Amino acid sequence: MTAEDTRLLLLAQHDRLRQRSEACIRLAKLYETGEAWGAELDHALQELREEFATHNASETRVISELMHGPAAWGSLMIDRMLEEHLAEHAAFWELLSGTRAEVAARIEELVDEIEAHMAAEERTFLAPVTLRDDVIRTRTREGSY
């Protein structure tokens, strides 16, 4: 997979996460006012959880594959990404866990946190000037940092 393919895949996943998040916020508000069934919210939350899990797994896999090489730069980038992501993702899972009412009550906080996380990724790791094949080839060659 090329850097551009990777970037587009992860950005598309971010878009789906945003769509799922918006649906959860809307349904949580309706649920709290009695205008939506709990099953609808449960379904939306499950879709968000699944999309989030898929994104986390594929992000780690594809970025690790791209950055793999003999140079220290790739290893440092992978280590940094994993360190940041493991802590953030654990916090997100904690907010996604609990009863329907508990998650509904904090869904806006969760969505704000996820949005900030994705925006930071889009400015750094997923920026077109960073995630490019030529940059990665140069950085992952032996002797590069």
Protein backbone atom coordinates (compact mmCIF):
# COMPACT_ATOMS: atom_id res chain seq x y z
CA MET A 1 0.00 0.00 0.00
CA THR A 2 1.39 3.40 -0.93
CA ALA A 3 1.61 6.31 1.46
CA GLU A 4 -1.17 8.09 -0.43
CA ASP A 5 -3.39 4.98 -0.33
CA THR A 6 -2.74 4.73 3.40
CA ARG A 7 -3.50 8.39 3.94
CA LEU A 8 -6.76 8.15 1.98
CA LEU A 9 -7.81 4.96 3.81
CA LEU A 10 -7.24 6.50 7.24
CA LEU A 11 -8.91 9.78 6.29
CA ALA A 12 -11.93 7.84 5.02
CA GLN A 13 -12.05 6.00 8.34
CA HIS A 14 -11.92 9.35 10.14
CA ASP A 15 -14.91 10.49 8.06
CA ARG A 16 -16.85 7.35 9.02
CA LEU A 17 -15.96 7.86 12.68
CA ARG A 18 -17.25 11.42 12.46
CA GLN A 19 -20.50 10.22 10.88
CA ARG A 20 -20.96 7.50 13.51
CA SER A 21 -20.15 9.98 16.28
CA GLU A 22 -22.70 12.50 15.03
CA ALA A 23 -25.35 9.78 14.86
CA CYS A 24 -24.58 8.76 18.44
CA ILE A 25 -24.85 12.32 19.71
CA ARG A 26 -28.16 12.83 17.92
CA LEU A 27 -29.61 9.55 19.20
CA ALA A 28 -28.29 10.09 22.73
CA LYS A 29 -30.10 13.42 22.90
CA LEU A 30 -33.29 11.84 21.58
CA TYR A 31 -32.91 8.92 23.99
CA GLU A 32 -32.51 11.24 26.97
CA THR A 33 -35.74 13.04 26.03
CA GLY A 34 -37.59 9.77 25.40
CA GLU A 35 -37.86 10.38 21.65
CA ALA A 36 -35.65 7.46 20.59
CA TRP A 37 -35.61 3.81 21.54
CA GLY A 38 -32.67 2.51 23.50
CA ALA A 39 -32.14 -0.16 20.84
CA GLU A 40 -31.46 2.55 18.24
CA LEU A 41 -28.82 4.12 20.45
CA ASP A 42 -27.33 0.70 21.26
CA HIS A 43 -27.03 -0.03 17.55
CA ALA A 44 -25.37 3.34 16.83
CA LEU A 45 -22.96 2.91 19.74
CA GLN A 46 -22.07 -0.59 18.55
CA GLU A 47 -21.35 0.74 15.06
CA LEU A 48 -19.13 3.46 16.56
CA ARG A 49 -17.27 0.90 18.67
CA GLU A 50 -16.75 -1.36 15.65
CA GLU A 51 -15.57 1.50 13.43
CA PHE A 52 -13.23 2.68 16.17
CA ALA A 53 -11.76 -0.82 16.65
CA THR A 54 -11.31 -1.26 12.90
CA HIS A 55 -9.62 2.11 12.60
CA ASN A 56 -7.26 1.48 15.51
CA ALA A 57 -6.18 -1.89 14.15
CA SER A 58 -5.72 -0.78 10.56
CA GLU A 59 -4.01 2.48 11.51
CA THR A 60 -1.41 0.69 13.59
CA ARG A 61 -0.89 -1.98 10.93
CA VAL A 62 -0.58 0.23 7.85
CA ILE A 63 1.54 2.93 9.46
CA SER A 64 3.85 0.28 10.95
CA GLU A 65 4.21 -1.37 7.53
CA LEU A 66 5.00 1.95 5.84
CA MET A 67 7.54 3.05 8.43
CA HIS A 68 9.29 -0.30 8.73
CA GLY A 69 12.88 -0.16 7.57
CA PRO A 70 16.46 -0.26 8.75
CA ALA A 71 16.58 3.42 9.77
CA ALA A 72 15.95 4.60 13.30
CA TRP A 73 13.43 7.22 12.08
CA GLY A 74 10.80 4.61 11.18
CA SER A 75 11.16 2.82 14.49
CA LEU A 76 10.98 6.11 16.38
CA MET A 77 7.82 7.14 14.51
CA ILE A 78 6.19 3.75 15.13
CA ASP A 79 7.14 3.81 18.81
CA ARG A 80 5.80 7.34 19.23
CA MET A 81 2.57 6.53 17.42
CA LEU A 82 1.98 3.42 19.49
CA GLU A 83 2.78 5.19 22.76
CA GLU A 84 0.38 8.05 22.00
CA HIS A 85 -2.31 5.88 20.56
CA LEU A 86 -2.39 3.23 23.24
CA ALA A 87 -3.01 5.80 25.96
CA GLU A 88 -5.57 7.77 23.97
CA HIS A 89 -7.39 4.72 22.70
CA ALA A 90 -7.63 3.26 26.20
CA ALA A 91 -9.22 6.51 27.38
CA PHE A 92 -11.68 6.43 24.47
CA TRP A 93 -12.64 2.82 25.21
CA GLU A 94 -13.29 3.76 28.82
CA LEU A 95 -15.69 6.49 27.67
CA LEU A 96 -17.35 4.02 25.26
CA SER A 97 -17.85 1.45 28.02
CA GLY A 98 -20.72 1.23 30.44
CA THR A 99 -24.47 1.19 30.31
CA ARG A 100 -26.43 2.89 27.56
CA ALA A 101 -27.36 5.75 29.89
CA GLU A 102 -23.76 6.21 31.08
CA VAL A 103 -22.36 6.35 27.56
CA ALA A 104 -25.20 8.61 26.37
CA ALA A 105 -24.44 11.04 29.19
CA ARG A 106 -20.80 11.41 28.14
CA ILE A 107 -21.04 10.91 24.37
CA GLU A 108 -20.36 14.57 23.60
CA GLU A 109 -17.19 14.50 25.71
CA LEU A 110 -16.09 11.33 23.92
CA VAL A 111 -16.77 12.79 20.49
CA ASP A 112 -14.87 15.96 21.37
CA GLU A 113 -11.89 13.84 22.46
CA ILE A 114 -11.99 11.66 19.34
CA GLU A 115 -12.32 14.72 17.09
CA ALA A 116 -9.31 16.39 18.72
CA HIS A 117 -7.32 13.16 18.31
CA MET A 118 -8.22 12.81 14.63
CA ALA A 119 -7.54 16.48 13.91
CA ALA A 120 -4.08 16.15 15.48
CA GLU A 121 -3.37 13.05 13.38
CA GLU A 122 -4.51 14.86 10.25
CA ARG A 123 -2.13 17.75 10.99
CA THR A 124 0.84 15.49 11.73
CA PHE A 125 0.95 11.82 10.70
CA LEU A 126 -1.65 12.12 7.93
CA ALA A 127 -0.54 15.44 6.49
CA PRO A 128 0.17 15.25 2.75
CA VAL A 129 3.67 16.66 3.32
CA THR A 130 4.47 13.96 5.88
CA LEU A 131 2.80 10.80 4.61
CA ARG A 132 4.44 10.63 1.18
CA ASP A 133 6.28 7.72 -0.41
CA ASP A 134 9.37 9.79 -1.22
CA VAL A 135 9.63 11.07 2.35
CA ILE A 136 9.14 7.60 3.78
CA ARG A 137 11.66 6.01 1.40
CA THR A 138 14.24 8.64 2.34
CA ARG A 139 13.55 8.36 6.06
CA THR A 140 13.48 4.56 6.26
CA ARG A 141 16.77 4.00 4.39
CA GLU A 142 19.79 2.85 6.35
CA GLY A 143 21.62 5.77 7.95
CA SER A 144 18.62 8.12 7.95
CA TYR A 145 17.11 9.74 11.00
